[in-house]
C-alpha atoms as a PDB file:
ATOM      1  CA  MET A   1       9.768 -12.201  -3.589  1.00  0.00           C
ATOM      2  CA  HIS A   2       6.682 -12.955  -5.669  1.00  0.00           C
ATOM      3  CA  GLU A   3       7.437  -9.997  -7.942  1.00  0.00           C
ATOM      4  CA  LEU A   4       9.838 -12.212  -9.891  1.00  0.00           C
ATOM      5  CA  SER A   5       7.136 -14.743 -10.768  1.00  0.00           C
ATOM      6  CA  ILE A   6       4.774 -11.888 -11.659  1.00  0.00           C
ATOM      7  CA  VAL A   7       7.360 -10.426 -14.037  1.00  0.00           C
ATOM      8  CA  THR A   8       8.083 -13.763 -15.735  1.00  0.00           C
ATOM      9  CA  SER A   9       4.349 -14.321 -16.245  1.00  0.00           C
ATOM     10  CA  MET A  10       3.904 -10.769 -17.517  1.00  0.00           C
ATOM     11  CA  ILE A  11       6.746 -11.164 -20.030  1.00  0.00           C
ATOM     12  CA  SER A  12       5.234 -14.435 -21.234  1.00  0.00           C
ATOM     13  CA  ILE A  13       1.806 -12.804 -21.704  1.00  0.00           C
ATOM     14  CA  VAL A  14       3.338  -9.847 -23.548  1.00  0.00           C
ATOM     15  CA  ARG A  15       5.331 -12.136 -25.859  1.00  0.00           C
ATOM     16  CA  GLU A  16       2.233 -14.233 -26.646  1.00  0.00           C
ATOM     17  CA  ASN A  17       0.197 -11.139 -27.488  1.00  0.00           C
ATOM     18  CA  MET A  18       2.954  -9.657 -29.620  1.00  0.00           C
ATOM     19  CA  ALA A  19       3.244 -12.907 -31.601  1.00  0.00           C
ATOM     20  CA  ARG A  20      -0.533 -13.188 -31.983  1.00  0.00           C
ATOM     21  CA  HIS A  21      -0.785  -9.656 -33.395  1.00  0.00           C
ATOM     22  CA  GLY A  22       2.447  -9.647 -35.390  1.00  0.00           C
ATOM     23  CA  ALA A  23       3.788  -6.734 -33.348  1.00  0.00           C
ATOM     24  CA  GLY A  24       7.214  -5.264 -33.993  1.00  0.00           C
ATOM     25  CA  ARG A  25       9.684  -4.051 -31.375  1.00  0.00           C
ATOM     26  CA  LEU A  26       8.251  -3.480 -27.904  1.00  0.00           C
ATOM     27  CA  LYS A  27       8.841  -0.008 -26.472  1.00  0.00           C
ATOM     28  CA  LYS A  28       6.663   0.192 -23.369  1.00  0.00           C
ATOM     29  CA  ILE A  29       4.439  -1.891 -21.110  1.00  0.00           C
ATOM     30  CA  LYS A  30       1.882  -0.155 -18.923  1.00  0.00           C
ATOM     31  CA  ILE A  31       0.604  -2.043 -15.906  1.00  0.00           C
ATOM     32  CA  ARG A  32      -1.776  -1.252 -13.068  1.00  0.00           C
ATOM     33  CA  VAL A  33      -0.911  -2.428  -9.536  1.00  0.00           C
ATOM     34  CA  GLY A  34      -3.414  -2.103  -6.709  1.00  0.00           C
ATOM     35  CA  GLU A  35      -2.319  -1.270  -3.192  1.00  0.00           C
ATOM     36  CA  MET A  36      -3.944  -4.439  -1.795  1.00  0.00           C
ATOM     37  CA  THR A  37      -1.942  -6.787  -4.038  1.00  0.00           C
ATOM     38  CA  ALA A  38       1.110  -6.528  -1.766  1.00  0.00           C
ATOM     39  CA  VAL A  39       3.226  -6.056  -4.888  1.00  0.00           C
ATOM     40  CA  GLU A  40       6.033  -3.558  -4.406  1.00  0.00           C
ATOM     41  CA  PRO A  41       6.334  -1.427  -7.566  1.00  0.00           C
ATOM     42  CA  GLU A  42      10.073  -0.849  -7.125  1.00  0.00           C
ATOM     43  CA  ALA A  43      10.722  -4.573  -6.606  1.00  0.00           C
ATOM     44  CA  LEU A  44       8.625  -5.259  -9.709  1.00  0.00           C
ATOM     45  CA  ARG A  45      10.647  -2.730 -11.691  1.00  0.00           C
ATOM     46  CA  PHE A  46      13.940  -4.250 -10.467  1.00  0.00           C
ATOM     47  CA  CYS A  47      12.823  -7.786 -11.382  1.00  0.00           C
ATOM     48  CA  PHE A  48      11.726  -6.586 -14.816  1.00  0.00           C
ATOM     49  CA  GLU A  49      15.114  -4.991 -15.475  1.00  0.00           C
ATOM     50  CA  VAL A  50      16.904  -8.186 -14.403  1.00  0.00           C
ATOM     51  CA  CYS A  51      14.676 -10.451 -16.519  1.00  0.00           C
ATOM     52  CA  ALA A  52      14.782  -8.131 -19.544  1.00  0.00           C
ATOM     53  CA  GLY A  53      18.568  -7.659 -19.443  1.00  0.00           C
ATOM     54  CA  GLY A  54      20.319  -9.256 -22.393  1.00  0.00           C
ATOM     55  CA  THR A  55      17.042 -10.047 -24.182  1.00  0.00           C
ATOM     56  CA  ASP A  56      14.888  -8.301 -26.783  1.00  0.00           C
ATOM     57  CA  MET A  57      13.026  -6.766 -23.802  1.00  0.00           C
ATOM     58  CA  GLU A  58      16.082  -4.844 -22.613  1.00  0.00           C
ATOM     59  CA  GLY A  59      15.360  -1.112 -22.656  1.00  0.00           C
ATOM     60  CA  VAL A  60      11.579  -1.559 -22.608  1.00  0.00           C
ATOM     61  CA  ILE A  61       9.914   0.998 -20.340  1.00  0.00           C
ATOM     62  CA  LEU A  62       7.789  -0.457 -17.558  1.00  0.00           C
ATOM     63  CA  ASP A  63       5.146   2.151 -16.690  1.00  0.00           C
ATOM     64  CA  ILE A  64       3.530   1.275 -13.354  1.00  0.00           C
ATOM     65  CA  GLU A  65       0.294   2.943 -12.263  1.00  0.00           C
ATOM     66  CA  GLU A  66      -0.269   2.489  -8.533  1.00  0.00           C
ATOM     67  CA  VAL A  67      -3.959   2.247  -7.641  1.00  0.00           C
ATOM     68  CA  PRO A  68      -5.105   3.209  -4.138  1.00  0.00           C
ATOM     69  CA  VAL A  69      -7.702   1.231  -2.213  1.00  0.00           C
ATOM     70  CA  ARG A  70     -11.232   2.634  -2.551  1.00  0.00           C
ATOM     71  CA  GLY A  71     -14.527   1.350  -1.265  1.00  0.00           C
ATOM     72  CA  GLN A  72     -18.161   2.088  -1.922  1.00  0.00           C
ATOM     73  CA  CYS A  73     -20.769   2.759   0.753  1.00  0.00           C
ATOM     74  CA  ILE A  74     -23.515   0.133   0.838  1.00  0.00           C
ATOM     75  CA  HIS A  75     -26.064   2.831   1.729  1.00  0.00           C
ATOM     76  CA  CYS A  76     -25.391   5.982  -0.305  1.00  0.00           C
ATOM     77  CA  LYS A  77     -23.059   4.421  -2.955  1.00  0.00           C
ATOM     78  CA  ASN A  78     -20.400   7.099  -2.350  1.00  0.00           C
ATOM     79  CA  GLU A  79     -16.890   5.975  -3.333  1.00  0.00           C
ATOM     80  CA  PHE A  80     -14.146   6.865  -0.875  1.00  0.00           C
ATOM     81  CA  PRO A  81     -10.545   5.998   0.046  1.00  0.00           C
ATOM     82  CA  LEU A  82     -10.223   3.034   2.380  1.00  0.00           C
ATOM     83  CA  ASP A  83      -7.599   2.642   5.032  1.00  0.00           C
ATOM     84  CA  ARG A  84      -7.231  -1.116   5.335  1.00  0.00           C
ATOM     85  CA  TYR A  85      -6.058  -0.813   8.939  1.00  0.00           C
ATOM     86  CA  LEU A  86      -8.738   1.506  10.294  1.00  0.00           C
ATOM     87  CA  ASP A  87     -12.522   1.568  10.481  1.00  0.00           C
ATOM     88  CA  SER A  88     -13.723   2.304   6.963  1.00  0.00           C
ATOM     89  CA  ARG A  89     -16.888   4.324   7.338  1.00  0.00           C
ATOM     90  CA  CYS A  90     -18.346   6.445   4.572  1.00  0.00           C
ATOM     91  CA  PRO A  91     -17.415  10.106   5.070  1.00  0.00           C
ATOM     92  CA  VAL A  92     -20.808  11.175   3.678  1.00  0.00           C
ATOM     93  CA  CYS A  93     -23.329   9.072   5.627  1.00  0.00           C
ATOM     94  CA  GLY A  94     -21.277   6.969   8.061  1.00  0.00           C
ATOM     95  CA  GLY A  95     -22.311   3.718   6.369  1.00  0.00           C
ATOM     96  CA  GLU A  96     -20.024   0.733   5.897  1.00  0.00           C
ATOM     97  CA  SER A  97     -18.037  -0.056   2.811  1.00  0.00           C
ATOM     98  CA  GLY A  98     -19.482  -2.889   0.788  1.00  0.00           C
ATOM     99  CA  GLY A  99     -16.074  -3.919  -0.464  1.00  0.00           C
ATOM    100  CA  TYR A 100     -13.280  -2.769  -2.690  1.00  0.00           C
ATOM    101  CA  VAL A 101     -13.963  -0.715  -5.800  1.00  0.00           C
ATOM    102  CA  SER A 102     -10.261  -0.405  -6.591  1.00  0.00           C
ATOM    103  CA  GLY A 103      -6.916  -1.382  -5.159  1.00  0.00           C
ATOM    104  CA  THR A 104      -6.891  -5.096  -6.013  1.00  0.00           C
ATOM    105  CA  GLU A 105      -5.784  -4.710  -9.654  1.00  0.00           C
ATOM    106  CA  LEU A 106      -2.790  -6.405 -11.176  1.00  0.00           C
ATOM    107  CA  ASP A 107      -3.286  -5.852 -14.897  1.00  0.00           C
ATOM    108  CA  ILE A 108      -1.371  -5.312 -18.086  1.00  0.00           C
ATOM    109  CA  VAL A 109      -3.098  -2.202 -19.414  1.00  0.00           C
ATOM    110  CA  SER A 110      -1.288  -1.677 -22.703  1.00  0.00           C
ATOM    111  CA  MET A 111       1.785  -2.327 -24.787  1.00  0.00           C
ATOM    112  CA  GLU A 112       3.433   0.210 -27.060  1.00  0.00           C
ATOM    113  CA  VAL A 113       5.199  -1.247 -30.086  1.00  0.00           C
ATOM    114  CA  GLU A 114       6.941   0.065 -33.188  1.00  0.00           C
END
């Protein structure tokens, strides 16, 4: 379960940023998780609750935004949903996707503090 190592790294990053900015009590962490990261949001949430339990992070809300996979046509530049298991042709012109536009994110978006 790599979610545990992700959570411990995330907590470390949050703590460093709070110390750097002299932040008070943490209330909420917002993260963005792309579909292609193979990170399970519920496993991430469970690991966060376990790691935060009994610490100053206990009770902090973990807000997870799940980001679907999208590609962009190399011909007409249209952005469209990609199905990673099927042929990913542009629905507008039939061209191929030139790669992922979204769905590979694993980011801390924001922290809400008092």
